[in-house]
Structure formats: structure tokens, C-alpha cells
Amino acid sequence: MAKSAVAVTPSKIRESRGYRVFQVCNVILMLLICAAMLYPFLYLVAQSFSSTEAIVAGEIGLLPSDFNLDTYEYIITQSNFLLYYRNTIIYSILGTVSALFFSALLAYPLSKREVAGASTINKFIIFTMYFGGGMIPNYILMTSLGLRNTVFAFILPGMISTYYVILMRSFFTTIPKELEEAGEIDGLSKWGAFVHVALPLSKPILATMALFYVVQYWNNWFDAFLYLDDRELWPVAYHLRQLISSASGTNADAGEAMQISSNIKSCAMVLTAAPIICVYPFIQKYFVQGMMLGGVKG
């Protein structure tokens, strides 16, 4: 009996023919999905390095045609693109750090059953996922607070997202209560347990939320459209939106529209998307782990 038990190991179990066919089909399907997702971006990159004449003639494929860097030079030197880029970096860093802090500060006590009113507050937060004040009340509120044409007008509206708070609260419920109690026995207060116990254990979910919030602030142009009249405060996403509108012959004067060629849109999109694409591989493992751990409990 012992010999037969040792002889039959998982590595020697033969996979069925149907399972091998499923694996092959699964790999083919994943490759097709990857190709469908990569092709538009590769085409965009090739177009950004191509001349306007090649774009108009439809000669662009996955490789550039009539390779040149003139458009990139034009965007960087002939406009306020670097200023808008700097604004976006500042907004994204300030917004992400403040959003992570206040989201965690809200989610942590809501994960504790002993906190009075936690259940009611949870229901109120979930209620805001389905019903909101609307654009006009929000605009009136921001104006009455004197926040138009300020950095806060861009950061405050998206600081706390209901979905992210719920996801973070679900993660905090997975932290063993004994760890926090041990910290309190060693002299930590509730605040100390949050800072020195809960937050260090929350690196996966914090990295996940950081990616979400960075993308949210990086791509946000609508709040700039509503609240930022001063061009020097514009983020790069709103500048890109204006650039595309100008290239389409709308929302721009004739002189500006004549200066904008077809591949300027492609170059601006590549410059805007490149930082997020470069950052994602470094936090991908935290992103996947955070999504799995955040969804264990509701």
C-alpha cells in the first residue's frame, strides 16, 4: 500500500485530452485579447513618430512611416505642455496622498464592529454610490466655498471614492484583531495601532488604491473644465482635450487650428499615457494581491 501511494504523485497524473485542448484554446484566446488591446496603442505610437503626410495618406501600420520627432519637439517647446505636465504631476501626487490618507482614515473605523454607528455610516456611504447631488449643486458648492481657480478645486472632488473606501474597509476586516490588541498592550493608542499596525500591513491594498487614484487624477479633465479658468492651472489631460478639439476644428480659433497637425494628437496621447504605463509593472504584484485580499470579506 505504501509503495503504490508513493508511486502515484500529482506530477505523474496524466492530463485528459479535453483539458489539454482547453489549455490551448485558452492561450489562443488570451493572445487574441492581448493583440486586440495592444494594436491601438502600437498604432498610436507609430502615428506619433510619423509625418502628417504619411498619416493623411493612410500609410501607417505598426511601424512609423517617414520617421521624425518634429511633432514631439513642437509639443514640448511651442506650447505650455511642460507646464501642464508639471501641474498634472503635482495634482496626482497631492491628490493620491491625501485620498489614500483620508480614505484609510474613514475605512479603518468603519471596519470595527464595536464603533458606534458604523453600520449606519456604511449604509449612508453605500447610498452615495447610487445617488449624488449632481453637477450643478457641486459647482455651486465649489464656487460658494471660493475654490474656483485653485488647486483644491481639482483635488477635493475626487478625494474620497465610495468604492475604494468599501474595498479598503473590506481589507481592514481581514487584519487579525489580536495584532492590534498586542500593539495596544505595548502602549499604542488607537491612532498608534492604525499607523503602526494597520497601515504597514495594508501595503497591497494601499498600492492598489494608489494606482486607482493616480489614474483618476492623471486622466481627469472634467473638473478642470468646470473649475479652472486660469490656463496656467490646467492639467495635461484638459490641455489634450483642448488640443483634440482644436484639431477637429471646434472650440478653437482659426489660427490655432491651422497650427495643429494630425499627429499632434497622437504625440500628446503617448506623452500623457507613458508615465502610467511605466509605473504599472512595478506595482502589478501589489495590485493583484490587493484586489484579491480586498474582496475576501464584505
Protein backbone atom coordinates (compact mmCIF):
# COMPACT_ATOMS: atom_id res chain seq x y z
CA MET A 1 0.00 0.00 0.00
CA ALA A 2 2.83 2.39 0.87
CA LYS A 3 4.64 1.78 -2.44
CA SER A 4 1.53 2.35 -4.51
CA ALA A 5 0.75 5.57 -2.60
CA VAL A 6 4.25 6.89 -3.23
CA ALA A 7 4.22 5.89 -6.89
CA VAL A 8 1.08 7.91 -7.66
CA THR A 9 2.14 11.57 -7.46
CA PRO A 10 0.41 14.66 -8.89
CA SER A 11 3.24 15.16 -11.39
CA LYS A 12 2.57 11.73 -12.88
CA ILE A 13 -1.17 12.14 -13.22
CA ARG A 14 -1.91 12.39 -16.94
CA GLU A 15 -3.95 15.34 -18.09
CA SER A 16 -7.03 14.48 -20.06
CA ARG A 17 -7.18 15.29 -23.75
CA GLY A 18 -10.09 17.65 -23.21
CA TYR A 19 -8.10 19.62 -20.61
CA ARG A 20 -5.14 19.99 -22.98
CA VAL A 21 -7.48 21.26 -25.68
CA PHE A 22 -8.93 23.74 -23.20
CA GLN A 23 -5.44 24.99 -22.32
CA VAL A 24 -4.54 25.52 -25.97
CA CYS A 25 -7.81 27.35 -26.67
CA ASN A 26 -7.33 29.45 -23.55
CA VAL A 27 -3.82 30.51 -24.61
CA ILE A 28 -5.02 31.36 -28.12
CA LEU A 29 -7.90 33.40 -26.74
CA MET A 30 -5.61 35.31 -24.36
CA LEU A 31 -3.18 36.06 -27.19
CA LEU A 32 -6.01 37.40 -29.34
CA ILE A 33 -7.23 39.61 -26.50
CA CYS A 34 -3.70 40.91 -25.90
CA ALA A 35 -3.28 41.65 -29.61
CA ALA A 36 -6.62 43.48 -29.71
CA MET A 37 -5.58 45.60 -26.72
CA LEU A 38 -2.02 46.31 -27.88
CA TYR A 39 -2.75 47.12 -31.53
CA PRO A 40 -4.47 50.52 -30.93
CA PHE A 41 -1.64 51.71 -28.67
CA LEU A 42 1.11 50.49 -31.03
CA TYR A 43 -0.69 52.17 -33.92
CA LEU A 44 -0.89 55.37 -31.87
CA VAL A 45 2.85 55.25 -31.12
CA ALA A 46 3.67 54.61 -34.79
CA GLN A 47 1.45 57.50 -35.84
CA SER A 48 3.10 59.85 -33.35
CA PHE A 49 6.52 59.22 -34.93
CA SER A 50 5.22 59.59 -38.50
CA SER A 51 4.79 62.64 -40.68
CA THR A 52 1.45 64.29 -41.29
CA GLU A 53 1.62 63.40 -44.98
CA ALA A 54 2.02 59.70 -44.18
CA ILE A 55 -0.93 59.82 -41.78
CA VAL A 56 -3.16 61.55 -44.31
CA ALA A 57 -2.12 59.03 -46.98
CA GLY A 58 -3.01 56.14 -44.67
CA GLU A 59 0.48 54.61 -44.76
CA ILE A 60 0.72 53.94 -41.01
CA GLY A 61 0.79 50.42 -39.68
CA LEU A 62 2.55 49.06 -36.61
CA LEU A 63 5.75 50.84 -37.69
CA PRO A 64 6.21 54.57 -38.28
CA SER A 65 6.29 55.94 -41.81
CA ASP A 66 8.65 58.84 -42.61
CA PHE A 67 10.08 58.76 -39.08
CA ASN A 68 10.52 62.15 -37.41
CA LEU A 69 10.50 63.81 -33.99
CA ASP A 70 9.31 67.22 -35.15
CA THR A 71 5.88 66.89 -33.59
CA TYR A 72 7.25 65.91 -30.18
CA GLU A 73 9.60 68.90 -30.35
CA TYR A 74 6.69 71.18 -31.29
CA ILE A 75 4.51 70.00 -28.39
CA ILE A 76 7.28 70.32 -25.81
CA THR A 77 8.75 73.63 -26.95
CA GLN A 78 5.97 75.55 -28.68
CA SER A 79 3.23 75.22 -26.08
CA ASN A 80 2.76 75.09 -22.31
CA PHE A 81 2.77 71.31 -22.38
CA LEU A 82 5.56 71.01 -19.81
CA LEU A 83 3.70 73.40 -17.50
CA TYR A 84 0.53 71.31 -17.80
CA TYR A 85 2.59 68.17 -17.29
CA ARG A 86 4.07 69.61 -14.10
CA ASN A 87 0.59 70.58 -12.90
CA THR A 88 -0.67 67.05 -13.52
CA ILE A 89 2.23 65.53 -11.59
CA ILE A 90 1.60 67.87 -8.65
CA TYR A 91 -2.15 67.25 -8.69
CA SER A 92 -1.68 63.49 -8.94
CA ILE A 93 0.81 63.31 -6.08
CA LEU A 94 -1.11 65.62 -3.75
CA GLY A 95 -4.46 64.08 -4.67
CA THR A 96 -3.28 60.49 -4.31
CA VAL A 97 -1.53 61.01 -0.98
CA SER A 98 -4.45 62.92 0.54
CA ALA A 99 -7.00 60.48 -0.94
CA LEU A 100 -5.16 57.46 0.46
CA PHE A 101 -4.86 59.04 3.89
CA PHE A 102 -8.46 60.18 4.22
CA SER A 103 -9.89 57.03 2.60
CA ALA A 104 -7.93 54.86 5.05
CA LEU A 105 -8.90 57.16 7.90
CA LEU A 106 -12.56 56.65 7.02
CA ALA A 107 -12.38 52.95 6.17
CA TYR A 108 -10.47 51.84 9.28
CA PRO A 109 -13.05 52.73 11.96
CA LEU A 110 -15.86 51.50 9.71
CA SER A 111 -14.23 48.07 9.73
CA LYS A 112 -14.67 47.82 13.51
CA ARG A 113 -17.96 46.38 14.71
CA GLU A 114 -17.56 47.98 18.13
CA VAL A 115 -17.59 51.51 16.70
CA ALA A 116 -20.95 53.10 17.46
CA GLY A 117 -22.91 53.97 14.32
CA ALA A 118 -20.51 52.21 11.95
CA SER A 119 -23.29 50.21 10.33
CA THR A 120 -25.39 53.33 9.74
CA ILE A 121 -22.46 55.23 8.27
CA ASN A 122 -21.67 52.27 6.00
CA LYS A 123 -25.22 52.33 4.66
CA PHE A 124 -25.03 56.09 4.13
CA ILE A 125 -21.77 55.70 2.20
CA ILE A 126 -23.26 52.97 0.02
CA PHE A 127 -26.27 55.23 -0.60
CA THR A 128 -23.96 57.82 -2.18
CA MET A 129 -22.90 55.24 -4.78
CA TYR A 130 -26.38 55.33 -6.29
CA PHE A 131 -27.49 58.91 -5.63
CA GLY A 132 -25.44 62.08 -5.97
CA GLY A 133 -26.04 65.80 -5.80
CA GLY A 134 -25.36 66.33 -9.47
CA MET A 135 -23.08 68.62 -11.40
CA ILE A 136 -24.86 71.94 -10.78
CA PRO A 137 -25.08 71.61 -6.94
CA ASN A 138 -21.43 70.57 -6.86
CA TYR A 139 -20.47 73.55 -8.98
CA ILE A 140 -22.44 75.92 -6.77
CA LEU A 141 -20.83 74.39 -3.67
CA MET A 142 -17.29 74.75 -5.01
CA THR A 143 -17.99 78.32 -6.11
CA SER A 144 -19.56 79.33 -2.79
CA LEU A 145 -16.53 77.94 -0.96
CA GLY A 146 -14.26 80.11 -3.08
CA LEU A 147 -12.36 77.17 -4.52
CA ARG A 148 -12.62 78.00 -8.21
CA ASN A 149 -9.26 78.55 -9.89
CA THR A 150 -7.43 76.83 -7.04
CA VAL A 151 -5.60 73.53 -6.71
CA PHE A 152 -8.23 72.34 -4.24
CA ALA A 153 -10.94 72.58 -6.89
CA PHE A 154 -9.15 69.82 -8.77
CA ILE A 155 -8.18 67.66 -5.79
CA LEU A 156 -11.15 67.79 -3.41
CA PRO A 157 -14.00 66.47 -5.64
CA GLY A 158 -12.31 63.10 -6.18
CA MET A 159 -10.55 62.77 -2.85
CA ILE A 160 -12.76 60.03 -1.37
CA SER A 161 -14.30 57.44 -3.66
CA THR A 162 -17.06 55.31 -2.18
CA TYR A 163 -15.98 52.16 -4.00
CA TYR A 164 -12.37 52.49 -2.85
CA VAL A 165 -13.42 53.13 0.74
CA ILE A 166 -15.52 49.97 0.74
CA LEU A 167 -12.66 47.99 -0.79
CA MET A 168 -10.24 49.30 1.81
CA ARG A 169 -12.70 48.66 4.64
CA SER A 170 -13.07 45.06 3.47
CA PHE A 171 -9.29 44.67 3.61
CA PHE A 172 -9.06 46.08 7.13
CA THR A 173 -11.54 43.45 8.32
CA THR A 174 -9.03 40.74 7.29
CA ILE A 175 -6.35 42.06 9.66
CA PRO A 176 -6.27 39.88 12.82
CA LYS A 177 -7.64 41.78 15.77
CA GLU A 178 -5.02 40.16 18.01
CA LEU A 179 -2.23 42.14 16.30
CA GLU A 180 -3.85 45.44 17.16
CA GLU A 181 -4.59 44.29 20.71
CA ALA A 182 -0.95 43.27 21.12
CA GLY A 183 0.11 46.73 20.00
CA GLU A 184 -2.26 48.36 22.48
CA ILE A 185 -0.86 46.19 25.25
CA ASP A 186 2.60 47.52 24.33
CA GLY A 187 1.31 51.04 24.82
CA LEU A 188 -0.11 52.02 21.45
CA SER A 189 -3.25 54.12 21.30
CA LYS A 190 -5.99 53.54 18.75
CA TRP A 191 -4.28 56.03 16.49
CA GLY A 192 -0.95 54.28 17.05
CA ALA A 193 -2.47 50.90 16.18
CA PHE A 194 -3.79 52.41 12.96
CA VAL A 195 -0.46 53.99 11.98
CA HIS A 196 1.99 51.35 13.21
CA VAL A 197 -0.03 48.13 12.77
CA ALA A 198 -2.86 48.52 10.27
CA LEU A 199 -1.16 50.72 7.65
CA PRO A 200 2.10 48.69 7.41
CA LEU A 201 0.05 45.54 6.89
CA SER A 202 -2.00 47.32 4.21
CA LYS A 203 0.73 47.85 1.62
CA PRO A 204 -1.01 45.68 -1.03
CA ILE A 205 -4.33 47.48 -0.78
CA LEU A 206 -2.64 50.89 -0.48
CA ALA A 207 -0.64 50.20 -3.64
CA THR A 208 -3.85 49.17 -5.39
CA MET A 209 -5.66 52.30 -4.27
CA ALA A 210 -2.66 54.45 -5.19
CA LEU A 211 -2.80 53.16 -8.75
CA PHE A 212 -6.54 53.81 -8.93
CA TYR A 213 -6.24 57.33 -7.57
CA VAL A 214 -3.21 58.24 -9.71
CA VAL A 215 -5.04 57.17 -12.86
CA GLN A 216 -8.14 59.05 -11.69
CA TYR A 217 -6.28 62.33 -11.16
CA TRP A 218 -3.98 61.87 -14.15
CA ASN A 219 -6.85 61.44 -16.60
CA ASN A 220 -9.22 63.94 -15.00
CA TRP A 221 -10.07 66.84 -17.28
CA PHE A 222 -13.71 67.49 -16.47
CA ASP A 223 -13.06 69.13 -13.10
CA ALA A 224 -10.55 71.42 -14.80
CA PHE A 225 -13.20 72.24 -17.38
CA LEU A 226 -15.63 73.19 -14.62
CA TYR A 227 -13.44 74.97 -12.10
CA LEU A 228 -10.16 76.11 -13.68
CA ASP A 229 -10.35 79.17 -15.89
CA ASP A 230 -6.69 80.08 -15.47
CA ARG A 231 -4.73 78.30 -18.22
CA GLU A 232 -1.63 78.08 -16.01
CA LEU A 233 -3.53 75.74 -13.68
CA TRP A 234 -4.67 73.33 -16.38
CA PRO A 235 -3.68 69.65 -16.14
CA VAL A 236 -2.28 67.93 -19.20
CA ALA A 237 -5.47 65.89 -19.74
CA TYR A 238 -7.53 69.06 -20.19
CA HIS A 239 -4.87 70.52 -22.48
CA LEU A 240 -5.04 67.31 -24.51
CA ARG A 241 -8.80 67.62 -24.70
CA GLN A 242 -8.46 71.19 -25.98
CA LEU A 243 -5.82 70.05 -28.44
CA ILE A 244 -8.08 67.36 -29.87
CA SER A 245 -10.99 69.78 -30.07
CA SER A 246 -8.78 72.29 -31.87
CA ALA A 247 -7.57 69.67 -34.32
CA SER A 248 -11.19 68.82 -35.04
CA GLY A 249 -11.89 72.45 -35.88
CA THR A 250 -14.04 73.11 -32.81
CA ASN A 251 -13.54 75.18 -29.70
CA ALA A 252 -10.57 76.97 -31.21
CA ASP A 253 -9.80 80.00 -33.31
CA ALA A 254 -8.69 79.58 -36.93
CA GLY A 255 -5.04 80.44 -36.26
CA GLU A 256 -4.69 77.80 -33.54
CA ALA A 257 -6.43 75.18 -35.63
CA MET A 258 -4.03 75.77 -38.56
CA GLN A 259 -1.02 75.12 -36.31
CA ILE A 260 -2.26 71.70 -35.18
CA SER A 261 -1.44 68.75 -37.41
CA SER A 262 -2.93 65.28 -37.31
CA ASN A 263 -0.14 63.56 -35.38
CA ILE A 264 -0.03 66.16 -32.59
CA LYS A 265 -2.97 64.35 -31.03
CA SER A 266 -1.08 61.06 -31.14
CA CYS A 267 2.08 62.55 -29.63
CA ALA A 268 0.16 64.20 -26.80
CA MET A 269 -1.68 60.95 -26.04
CA VAL A 270 1.57 58.98 -25.93
CA LEU A 271 3.24 61.54 -23.65
CA THR A 272 0.20 61.51 -21.38
CA ALA A 273 -0.19 57.73 -21.15
CA ALA A 274 3.51 56.82 -20.92
CA PRO A 275 4.05 57.54 -17.18
CA ILE A 276 1.11 55.38 -16.06
CA ILE A 277 2.22 52.55 -18.34
CA CYS A 278 5.77 52.75 -16.96
CA VAL A 279 4.65 52.77 -13.32
CA TYR A 280 2.17 49.88 -13.52
CA PRO A 281 4.70 46.98 -13.92
CA PHE A 282 6.41 47.95 -10.66
CA ILE A 283 3.22 47.72 -8.58
CA GLN A 284 1.44 45.00 -10.55
CA LYS A 285 2.05 42.34 -7.88
CA TYR A 286 0.63 44.63 -5.19
CA PHE A 287 -2.29 45.48 -7.45
CA VAL A 288 -3.28 41.84 -7.98
CA GLN A 289 -2.73 40.93 -4.31
CA GLY A 290 -4.67 43.94 -3.11
CA MET A 291 -7.64 43.21 -5.33
CA MET A 292 -7.77 39.60 -4.08
CA LEU A 293 -7.39 40.47 -0.41
CA GLY A 294 -9.78 43.42 -0.61
CA GLY A 295 -12.57 41.23 -1.85
CA VAL A 296 -12.36 38.49 0.80
CA LYS A 297 -14.98 39.99 3.05
CA GLY A 298 -17.79 42.44 2.52
